[in-house]
Amino acid sequence: MKRVTLELDSDGFRELLTSQEVADLVEESAKQVAAAAEAVSIPGSVFVVKGPKRGGYGGGRVIAYVAADNVKASRSIIYKHALEKAINGSKG
């Protein structure tokens, strides 16, 4: 039986994780989370997407996050667990 050797292509992974295609996917996913959070929140809650931008972890991969943009959204995060529900896909 032949031995197989695998070699990690760090530069290739870095190129992939920092590509425009991945940035677009990260941004679209964050927008979906923001919309889902608004759907389970106190009426009038507004969530915004921050990013995509290059993060500091793992060689600078593309990141984005969702943040409350008003007091109602902040309260929804605390009292209704809006972001957790948005990420987990639950409606209640």
PDB file of N, CA and C in Angstrom:
ATOM      1  N   MET A   1       0.848  -1.176   0.000  1.00  0.00           N
ATOM      2  CA  MET A   1       0.000   0.000   0.000  1.00  0.00           C
ATOM      3  C   MET A   1       0.893   1.240   0.000  1.00  0.00           C
ATOM      4  N   LYS A   2       0.552   2.208  -0.825  1.00  0.00           N
ATOM      5  CA  LYS A   2       1.329   3.443  -0.907  1.00  0.00           C
ATOM      6  C   LYS A   2       0.981   4.380   0.225  1.00  0.00           C
ATOM      7  N   ARG A   3       1.978   5.111   0.643  1.00  0.00           N
ATOM      8  CA  ARG A   3       1.764   6.153   1.646  1.00  0.00           C
ATOM      9  C   ARG A   3       1.329   7.431   0.945  1.00  0.00           C
ATOM     10  N   VAL A   4       0.361   8.105   1.546  1.00  0.00           N
ATOM     11  CA  VAL A   4      -0.125   9.364   1.010  1.00  0.00           C
ATOM     12  C   VAL A   4       0.275  10.469   1.977  1.00  0.00           C
ATOM     13  N   THR A   5       0.818  11.526   1.449  1.00  0.00           N
ATOM     14  CA  THR A   5       1.209  12.663   2.264  1.00  0.00           C
ATOM     15  C   THR A   5       0.349  13.863   1.880  1.00  0.00           C
ATOM     16  N   LEU A   6      -0.271  14.449   2.875  1.00  0.00           N
ATOM     17  CA  LEU A   6      -1.066  15.647   2.647  1.00  0.00           C
ATOM     18  C   LEU A   6      -0.278  16.855   3.133  1.00  0.00           C
ATOM     19  N   GLU A   7      -0.347  17.905   2.353  1.00  0.00           N
ATOM     20  CA  GLU A   7       0.371  19.121   2.709  1.00  0.00           C
ATOM     21  C   GLU A   7      -0.632  20.274   2.759  1.00  0.00           C
ATOM     22  N   LEU A   8      -0.634  20.990   3.862  1.00  0.00           N
ATOM     23  CA  LEU A   8      -1.526  22.129   4.040  1.00  0.00           C
ATOM     24  C   LEU A   8      -1.023  23.308   3.220  1.00  0.00           C
ATOM     25  N   ASP A   9      -1.909  23.864   2.414  1.00  0.00           N
ATOM     26  CA  ASP A   9      -1.574  25.028   1.601  1.00  0.00           C
ATOM     27  C   ASP A   9      -2.121  26.271   2.300  1.00  0.00           C
ATOM     28  N   SER A  10      -1.365  26.785   3.264  1.00  0.00           N
ATOM     29  CA  SER A  10      -1.814  27.929   4.070  1.00  0.00           C
ATOM     30  C   SER A  10      -2.135  29.145   3.213  1.00  0.00           C
ATOM     31  N   ASP A  11      -1.309  29.416   2.234  1.00  0.00           N
ATOM     32  CA  ASP A  11      -1.554  30.572   1.366  1.00  0.00           C
ATOM     33  C   ASP A  11      -2.860  30.404   0.590  1.00  0.00           C
ATOM     34  N   GLY A  12      -3.141  29.191   0.167  1.00  0.00           N
ATOM     35  CA  GLY A  12      -4.382  28.920  -0.555  1.00  0.00           C
ATOM     36  C   GLY A  12      -5.600  29.117   0.322  1.00  0.00           C
ATOM     37  N   PHE A  13      -5.544  28.627   1.568  1.00  0.00           N
ATOM     38  CA  PHE A  13      -6.648  28.829   2.497  1.00  0.00           C
ATOM     39  C   PHE A  13      -6.842  30.306   2.799  1.00  0.00           C
ATOM     40  N   ARG A  14      -5.751  31.019   3.001  1.00  0.00           N
ATOM     41  CA  ARG A  14      -5.839  32.460   3.274  1.00  0.00           C
ATOM     42  C   ARG A  14      -6.490  33.190   2.088  1.00  0.00           C
ATOM     43  N   GLU A  15      -6.076  32.823   0.888  1.00  0.00           N
ATOM     44  CA  GLU A  15      -6.653  33.439  -0.309  1.00  0.00           C
ATOM     45  C   GLU A  15      -8.151  33.164  -0.394  1.00  0.00           C
ATOM     46  N   LEU A  16      -8.539  31.937  -0.097  1.00  0.00           N
ATOM     47  CA  LEU A  16      -9.957  31.571  -0.122  1.00  0.00           C
ATOM     48  C   LEU A  16     -10.747  32.321   0.950  1.00  0.00           C
ATOM     49  N   LEU A  17     -10.246  32.320   2.185  1.00  0.00           N
ATOM     50  CA  LEU A  17     -10.986  32.918   3.292  1.00  0.00           C
ATOM     51  C   LEU A  17     -11.031  34.444   3.242  1.00  0.00           C
ATOM     52  N   THR A  18     -10.215  35.071   2.419  1.00  0.00           N
ATOM     53  CA  THR A  18     -10.233  36.523   2.284  1.00  0.00           C
ATOM     54  C   THR A  18     -10.768  36.966   0.920  1.00  0.00           C
ATOM     55  N   SER A  19     -11.319  36.046   0.149  1.00  0.00           N
ATOM     56  CA  SER A  19     -11.802  36.361  -1.198  1.00  0.00           C
ATOM     57  C   SER A  19     -13.102  37.167  -1.157  1.00  0.00           C
ATOM     58  N   GLN A  20     -13.392  37.831  -2.261  1.00  0.00           N
ATOM     59  CA  GLN A  20     -14.622  38.616  -2.381  1.00  0.00           C
ATOM     60  C   GLN A  20     -15.854  37.714  -2.313  1.00  0.00           C
ATOM     61  N   GLU A  21     -15.757  36.514  -2.847  1.00  0.00           N
ATOM     62  CA  GLU A  21     -16.884  35.584  -2.814  1.00  0.00           C
ATOM     63  C   GLU A  21     -17.247  35.211  -1.379  1.00  0.00           C
ATOM     64  N   VAL A  22     -16.244  34.956  -0.554  1.00  0.00           N
ATOM     65  CA  VAL A  22     -16.492  34.642   0.854  1.00  0.00           C
ATOM     66  C   VAL A  22     -17.026  35.874   1.573  1.00  0.00           C
ATOM     67  N   ALA A  23     -16.499  37.049   1.276  1.00  0.00           N
ATOM     68  CA  ALA A  23     -16.997  38.292   1.880  1.00  0.00           C
ATOM     69  C   ALA A  23     -18.468  38.496   1.546  1.00  0.00           C
ATOM     70  N   ASP A  24     -18.852  38.231   0.310  1.00  0.00           N
ATOM     71  CA  ASP A  24     -20.258  38.364  -0.097  1.00  0.00           C
ATOM     72  C   ASP A  24     -21.144  37.378   0.661  1.00  0.00           C
ATOM     73  N   LEU A  25     -20.683  36.156   0.810  1.00  0.00           N
ATOM     74  CA  LEU A  25     -21.433  35.128   1.533  1.00  0.00           C
ATOM     75  C   LEU A  25     -21.569  35.474   3.010  1.00  0.00           C
ATOM     76  N   VAL A  26     -20.499  35.959   3.617  1.00  0.00           N
ATOM     77  CA  VAL A  26     -20.527  36.361   5.025  1.00  0.00           C
ATOM     78  C   VAL A  26     -21.515  37.513   5.219  1.00  0.00           C
ATOM     79  N   GLU A  27     -21.475  38.493   4.323  1.00  0.00           N
ATOM     80  CA  GLU A  27     -22.392  39.633   4.428  1.00  0.00           C
ATOM     81  C   GLU A  27     -23.846  39.195   4.267  1.00  0.00           C
ATOM     82  N   GLU A  28     -24.121  38.345   3.304  1.00  0.00           N
ATOM     83  CA  GLU A  28     -25.493  37.867   3.084  1.00  0.00           C
ATOM     84  C   GLU A  28     -25.983  37.073   4.288  1.00  0.00           C
ATOM     85  N   SER A  29     -25.141  36.253   4.871  1.00  0.00           N
ATOM     86  CA  SER A  29     -25.517  35.483   6.058  1.00  0.00           C
ATOM     87  C   SER A  29     -25.826  36.412   7.234  1.00  0.00           C
ATOM     88  N   ALA A  30     -25.017  37.443   7.420  1.00  0.00           N
ATOM     89  CA  ALA A  30     -25.255  38.403   8.498  1.00  0.00           C
ATOM     90  C   ALA A  30     -26.567  39.158   8.274  1.00  0.00           C
ATOM     91  N   LYS A  31     -26.870  39.488   7.030  1.00  0.00           N
ATOM     92  CA  LYS A  31     -28.149  40.160   6.723  1.00  0.00           C
ATOM     93  C   LYS A  31     -29.333  39.254   7.058  1.00  0.00           C
ATOM     94  N   GLN A  32     -29.195  37.971   6.795  1.00  0.00           N
ATOM     95  CA  GLN A  32     -30.260  37.020   7.129  1.00  0.00           C
ATOM     96  C   GLN A  32     -30.454  36.934   8.640  1.00  0.00           C
ATOM     97  N   VAL A  33     -29.373  36.935   9.389  1.00  0.00           N
ATOM     98  CA  VAL A  33     -29.468  36.909  10.852  1.00  0.00           C
ATOM     99  C   VAL A  33     -30.137  38.184  11.351  1.00  0.00           C
ATOM    100  N   ALA A  34     -29.767  39.346  10.804  1.00  0.00           N
ATOM    101  CA  ALA A  34     -30.374  40.618  11.215  1.00  0.00           C
ATOM    102  C   ALA A  34     -31.872  40.622  10.939  1.00  0.00           C
ATOM    103  N   ALA A  35     -32.277  40.149   9.775  1.00  0.00           N
ATOM    104  CA  ALA A  35     -33.703  40.098   9.432  1.00  0.00           C
ATOM    105  C   ALA A  35     -34.454  39.133  10.347  1.00  0.00           C
ATOM    106  N   ALA A  36     -33.853  37.987  10.637  1.00  0.00           N
ATOM    107  CA  ALA A  36     -34.484  37.017  11.536  1.00  0.00           C
ATOM    108  C   ALA A  36     -34.599  37.576  12.944  1.00  0.00           C
ATOM    109  N   ALA A  37     -33.589  38.323  13.392  1.00  0.00           N
ATOM    110  CA  ALA A  37     -33.636  38.923  14.725  1.00  0.00           C
ATOM    111  C   ALA A  37     -34.756  39.949  14.805  1.00  0.00           C
ATOM    112  N   GLU A  38     -34.926  40.752  13.766  1.00  0.00           N
ATOM    113  CA  GLU A  38     -36.013  41.733  13.752  1.00  0.00           C
ATOM    114  C   GLU A  38     -37.378  41.041  13.783  1.00  0.00           C
ATOM    115  N   ALA A  39     -37.474  39.875  13.145  1.00  0.00           N
ATOM    116  CA  ALA A  39     -38.746  39.152  13.092  1.00  0.00           C
ATOM    117  C   ALA A  39     -39.188  38.627  14.454  1.00  0.00           C
ATOM    118  N   VAL A  40     -38.260  38.342  15.356  1.00  0.00           N
ATOM    119  CA  VAL A  40     -38.611  37.794  16.672  1.00  0.00           C
ATOM    120  C   VAL A  40     -38.480  38.836  17.782  1.00  0.00           C
ATOM    121  N   SER A  41     -38.272  40.094  17.407  1.00  0.00           N
ATOM    122  CA  SER A  41     -37.998  41.149  18.382  1.00  0.00           C
ATOM    123  C   SER A  41     -39.226  41.995  18.681  1.00  0.00           C
ATOM    124  N   ILE A  42     -39.027  42.895  19.632  1.00  0.00           N
ATOM    125  CA  ILE A  42     -40.028  43.914  19.939  1.00  0.00           C
ATOM    126  C   ILE A  42     -40.256  44.726  18.673  1.00  0.00           C
ATOM    127  N   PRO A  43     -41.517  44.984  18.299  1.00  0.00           N
ATOM    128  CA  PRO A  43     -41.770  45.782  17.091  1.00  0.00           C
ATOM    129  C   PRO A  43     -41.011  47.110  17.127  1.00  0.00           C
ATOM    130  N   GLY A  44     -40.405  47.456  16.011  1.00  0.00           N
ATOM    131  CA  GLY A  44     -39.613  48.675  15.916  1.00  0.00           C
ATOM    132  C   GLY A  44     -38.131  48.463  16.168  1.00  0.00           C
ATOM    133  N   SER A  45     -37.738  47.230  16.483  1.00  0.00           N
ATOM    134  CA  SER A  45     -36.318  46.930  16.688  1.00  0.00           C
ATOM    135  C   SER A  45     -35.589  46.986  15.355  1.00  0.00           C
ATOM    136  N   VAL A  46     -34.396  47.551  15.382  1.00  0.00           N
ATOM    137  CA  VAL A  46     -33.579  47.633  14.175  1.00  0.00           C
ATOM    138  C   VAL A  46     -32.210  47.024  14.456  1.00  0.00           C
ATOM    139  N   PHE A  47     -31.828  46.084  13.620  1.00  0.00           N
ATOM    140  CA  PHE A  47     -30.515  45.451  13.705  1.00  0.00           C
ATOM    141  C   PHE A  47     -29.728  45.792  12.454  1.00  0.00           C
ATOM    142  N   VAL A  48     -28.433  46.015  12.606  1.00  0.00           N
ATOM    143  CA  VAL A  48     -27.577  46.360  11.471  1.00  0.00           C
ATOM    144  C   VAL A  48     -26.421  45.377  11.367  1.00  0.00           C
ATOM    145  N   VAL A  49     -25.914  45.253  10.150  1.00  0.00           N
ATOM    146  CA  VAL A  49     -24.762  44.399   9.883  1.00  0.00           C
ATOM    147  C   VAL A  49     -23.510  45.264   9.901  1.00  0.00           C
ATOM    148  N   LYS A  50     -22.531  44.856  10.669  1.00  0.00           N
ATOM    149  CA  LYS A  50     -21.233  45.520  10.723  1.00  0.00           C
ATOM    150  C   LYS A  50     -20.253  44.643   9.960  1.00  0.00           C
ATOM    151  N   GLY A  51     -19.713  45.161   8.900  1.00  0.00           N
ATOM    152  CA  GLY A  51     -18.799  44.398   8.061  1.00  0.00           C
ATOM    153  C   GLY A  51     -19.427  44.149   6.715  1.00  0.00           C
ATOM    154  N   PRO A  52     -18.884  43.306   5.914  1.00  0.00           N
ATOM    155  CA  PRO A  52     -17.754  42.446   6.219  1.00  0.00           C
ATOM    156  C   PRO A  52     -16.449  43.239   6.257  1.00  0.00           C
ATOM    157  N   LYS A  53     -15.549  42.709   7.066  1.00  0.00           N
ATOM    158  CA  LYS A  53     -14.216  43.296   7.179  1.00  0.00           C
ATOM    159  C   LYS A  53     -13.236  42.184   7.496  1.00  0.00           C
ATOM    160  N   ARG A  54     -11.998  42.507   7.412  1.00  0.00           N
ATOM    161  CA  ARG A  54     -10.965  41.513   7.705  1.00  0.00           C
ATOM    162  C   ARG A  54     -10.743  41.437   9.204  1.00  0.00           C
ATOM    163  N   GLY A  55     -10.907  40.256   9.751  1.00  0.00           N
ATOM    164  CA  GLY A  55     -10.739  40.064  11.180  1.00  0.00           C
ATOM    165  C   GLY A  55      -9.296  39.770  11.543  1.00  0.00           C
ATOM    166  N   GLY A  56      -9.045  39.658  12.826  1.00  0.00           N
ATOM    167  CA  GLY A  56      -7.696  39.416  13.293  1.00  0.00           C
ATOM    168  C   GLY A  56      -7.408  37.959  13.617  1.00  0.00           C
ATOM    169  N   TYR A  57      -8.413  37.111  13.554  1.00  0.00           N
ATOM    170  CA  TYR A  57      -8.249  35.713  13.932  1.00  0.00           C
ATOM    171  C   TYR A  57      -8.009  34.857  12.696  1.00  0.00           C
ATOM    172  N   GLY A  58      -7.176  33.879  12.807  1.00  0.00           N
ATOM    173  CA  GLY A  58      -6.992  32.896  11.747  1.00  0.00           C
ATOM    174  C   GLY A  58      -6.398  33.466  10.475  1.00  0.00           C
ATOM    175  N   GLY A  59      -5.501  34.413  10.589  1.00  0.00           N
ATOM    176  CA  GLY A  59      -4.851  34.942   9.405  1.00  0.00           C
ATOM    177  C   GLY A  59      -5.610  36.052   8.718  1.00  0.00           C
ATOM    178  N   GLY A  60      -6.608  36.595   9.385  1.00  0.00           N
ATOM    179  CA  GLY A  60      -7.328  37.729   8.823  1.00  0.00           C
ATOM    180  C   GLY A  60      -8.507  37.357   7.948  1.00  0.00           C
ATOM    181  N   ARG A  61      -9.217  36.303   8.293  1.00  0.00           N
ATOM    182  CA  ARG A  61     -10.386  35.907   7.493  1.00  0.00           C
ATOM    183  C   ARG A  61     -11.467  36.970   7.562  1.00  0.00           C
ATOM    184  N   VAL A  62     -12.412  36.911   6.641  1.00  0.00           N
ATOM    185  CA  VAL A  62     -13.491  37.884   6.561  1.00  0.00           C
ATOM    186  C   VAL A  62     -14.520  37.595   7.648  1.00  0.00           C
ATOM    187  N   ILE A  63     -14.945  38.656   8.351  1.00  0.00           N
ATOM    188  CA  ILE A  63     -15.948  38.522   9.407  1.00  0.00           C
ATOM    189  C   ILE A  63     -17.022  39.588   9.232  1.00  0.00           C
ATOM    190  N   ALA A  64     -18.149  39.371   9.870  1.00  0.00           N
ATOM    191  CA  ALA A  64     -19.221  40.359   9.984  1.00  0.00           C
ATOM    192  C   ALA A  64     -20.001  40.011  11.237  1.00  0.00           C
ATOM    193  N   TYR A  65     -20.699  41.004  11.785  1.00  0.00           N
ATOM    194  CA  TYR A  65     -21.541  40.729  12.941  1.00  0.00           C
ATOM    195  C   TYR A  65     -22.789  41.594  12.895  1.00  0.00           C
ATOM    196  N   VAL A  66     -23.776  41.201  13.678  1.00  0.00           N
ATOM    197  CA  VAL A  66     -25.055  41.897  13.749  1.00  0.00           C
ATOM    198  C   VAL A  66     -25.117  42.621  15.082  1.00  0.00           C
ATOM    199  N   ALA A  67     -25.561  43.884  15.045  1.00  0.00           N
ATOM    200  CA  ALA A  67     -25.631  44.696  16.252  1.00  0.00           C
ATOM    201  C   ALA A  67     -26.981  45.394  16.349  1.00  0.00           C
ATOM    202  N   ALA A  68     -27.380  45.691  17.582  1.00  0.00           N
ATOM    203  CA  ALA A  68     -28.600  46.468  17.813  1.00  0.00           C
ATOM    204  C   ALA A  68     -28.346  47.902  17.366  1.00  0.00           C
ATOM    205  N   ASP A  69     -29.349  48.496  16.695  1.00  0.00           N
ATOM    206  CA  ASP A  69     -29.204  49.871  16.217  1.00  0.00           C
ATOM    207  C   ASP A  69     -30.115  50.842  16.960  1.00  0.00           C
ATOM    208  N   ASN A  70     -30.943  50.316  17.848  1.00  0.00           N
ATOM    209  CA  ASN A  70     -31.774  51.196  18.670  1.00  0.00           C
ATOM    210  C   ASN A  70     -32.060  50.517  20.011  1.00  0.00           C
ATOM    211  N   VAL A  71     -32.708  51.246  20.913  1.00  0.00           N
ATOM    212  CA  VAL A  71     -32.968  50.742  22.265  1.00  0.00           C
ATOM    213  C   VAL A  71     -33.876  49.513  22.231  1.00  0.00           C
ATOM    214  N   LYS A  72     -34.879  49.523  21.355  1.00  0.00           N
ATOM    215  CA  LYS A  72     -35.783  48.368  21.283  1.00  0.00           C
ATOM    216  C   LYS A  72     -35.021  47.104  20.894  1.00  0.00           C
ATOM    217  N   ALA A  73     -34.091  47.235  19.980  1.00  0.00           N
ATOM    218  CA  ALA A  73     -33.290  46.073  19.582  1.00  0.00           C
ATOM    219  C   ALA A  73     -32.404  45.609  20.741  1.00  0.00           C
ATOM    220  N   SER A  74     -31.830  46.551  21.462  1.00  0.00           N
ATOM    221  CA  SER A  74     -31.016  46.186  22.630  1.00  0.00           C
ATOM    222  C   SER A  74     -31.850  45.441  23.669  1.00  0.00           C
ATOM    223  N   ARG A  75     -33.056  45.926  23.905  1.00  0.00           N
ATOM    224  CA  ARG A  75     -33.952  45.238  24.850  1.00  0.00           C
ATOM    225  C   ARG A  75     -34.352  43.862  24.332  1.00  0.00           C
ATOM    226  N   SER A  76     -34.534  43.746  23.031  1.00  0.00           N
ATOM    227  CA  SER A  76     -34.884  42.455  22.438  1.00  0.00           C
ATOM    228  C   SER A  76     -33.762  41.441  22.598  1.00  0.00           C
ATOM    229  N   ILE A  77     -32.527  41.925  22.526  1.00  0.00           N
ATOM    230  CA  ILE A  77     -31.380  41.035  22.742  1.00  0.00           C
ATOM    231  C   ILE A  77     -31.385  40.523  24.177  1.00  0.00           C
ATOM    232  N   ILE A  78     -31.652  41.420  25.126  1.00  0.00           N
ATOM    233  CA  ILE A  78     -31.593  41.060  26.541  1.00  0.00           C
ATOM    234  C   ILE A  78     -32.794  40.218  26.967  1.00  0.00           C
ATOM    235  N   TYR A  79     -33.994  40.691  26.651  1.00  0.00           N
ATOM    236  CA  TYR A  79     -35.203  40.071  27.199  1.00  0.00           C
ATOM    237  C   TYR A  79     -35.846  39.012  26.309  1.00  0.00           C
ATOM    238  N   LYS A  80     -35.649  39.110  25.004  1.00  0.00           N
ATOM    239  CA  LYS A  80     -36.266  38.143  24.093  1.00  0.00           C
ATOM    240  C   LYS A  80     -35.250  37.213  23.430  1.00  0.00           C
ATOM    241  N   HIS A  81     -33.963  37.409  23.750  1.00  0.00           N
ATOM    242  CA  HIS A  81     -32.894  36.573  23.191  1.00  0.00           C
ATOM    243  C   HIS A  81     -32.969  36.542  21.666  1.00  0.00           C
ATOM    244  N   ALA A  82     -33.178  37.714  21.078  1.00  0.00           N
ATOM    245  CA  ALA A  82     -33.435  37.829  19.641  1.00  0.00           C
ATOM    246  C   ALA A  82     -32.307  37.276  18.777  1.00  0.00           C
ATOM    247  N   LEU A  83     -31.074  37.567  19.119  1.00  0.00           N
ATOM    248  CA  LEU A  83     -29.975  37.083  18.286  1.00  0.00           C
ATOM    249  C   LEU A  83     -29.805  35.577  18.383  1.00  0.00           C
ATOM    250  N   GLU A  84     -29.946  35.029  19.591  1.00  0.00           N
ATOM    251  CA  GLU A  84     -29.864  33.585  19.742  1.00  0.00           C
ATOM    252  C   GLU A  84     -30.957  32.887  18.940  1.00  0.00           C
ATOM    253  N   LYS A  85     -32.167  33.422  19.020  1.00  0.00           N
ATOM    254  CA  LYS A  85     -33.277  32.838  18.270  1.00  0.00           C
ATOM    255  C   LYS A  85     -33.049  32.955  16.777  1.00  0.00           C
ATOM    256  N   ALA A  86     -32.494  34.083  16.329  1.00  0.00           N
ATOM    257  CA  ALA A  86     -32.233  34.280  14.907  1.00  0.00           C
ATOM    258  C   ALA A  86     -31.203  33.282  14.409  1.00  0.00           C
ATOM    259  N   ILE A  87     -30.164  33.061  15.169  1.00  0.00           N
ATOM    260  CA  ILE A  87     -29.114  32.143  14.765  1.00  0.00           C
ATOM    261  C   ILE A  87     -29.597  30.699  14.797  1.00  0.00           C
ATOM    262  N   ASN A  88     -30.372  30.361  15.818  1.00  0.00           N
ATOM    263  CA  ASN A  88     -30.868  28.985  15.963  1.00  0.00           C
ATOM    264  C   ASN A  88     -32.094  28.698  15.132  1.00  0.00           C
ATOM    265  N   GLY A  89     -32.712  29.739  14.581  1.00  0.00           N
ATOM    266  CA  GLY A  89     -33.856  29.537  13.688  1.00  0.00           C
ATOM    267  C   GLY A  89     -35.181  29.345  14.402  1.00  0.00           C
ATOM    268  N   SER A  90     -35.259  29.625  15.705  1.00  0.00           N
ATOM    269  CA  SER A  90     -36.523  29.452  16.414  1.00  0.00           C
ATOM    270  C   SER A  90     -37.344  30.723  16.344  1.00  0.00           C
ATOM    271  N   LYS A  91     -38.653  30.584  16.409  1.00  0.00           N
ATOM    272  CA  LYS A  91     -39.567  31.709  16.290  1.00  0.00           C
ATOM    273  C   LYS A  91     -40.136  32.140  17.628  1.00  0.00           C
ATOM    274  N   GLY A  92     -40.025  31.341  18.659  1.00  0.00           N
ATOM    275  CA  GLY A  92     -40.679  31.632  19.924  1.00  0.00           C
ATOM    276  C   GLY A  92     -39.797  32.277  20.853  1.00  0.00           C
TER     277      GLY A  92
END
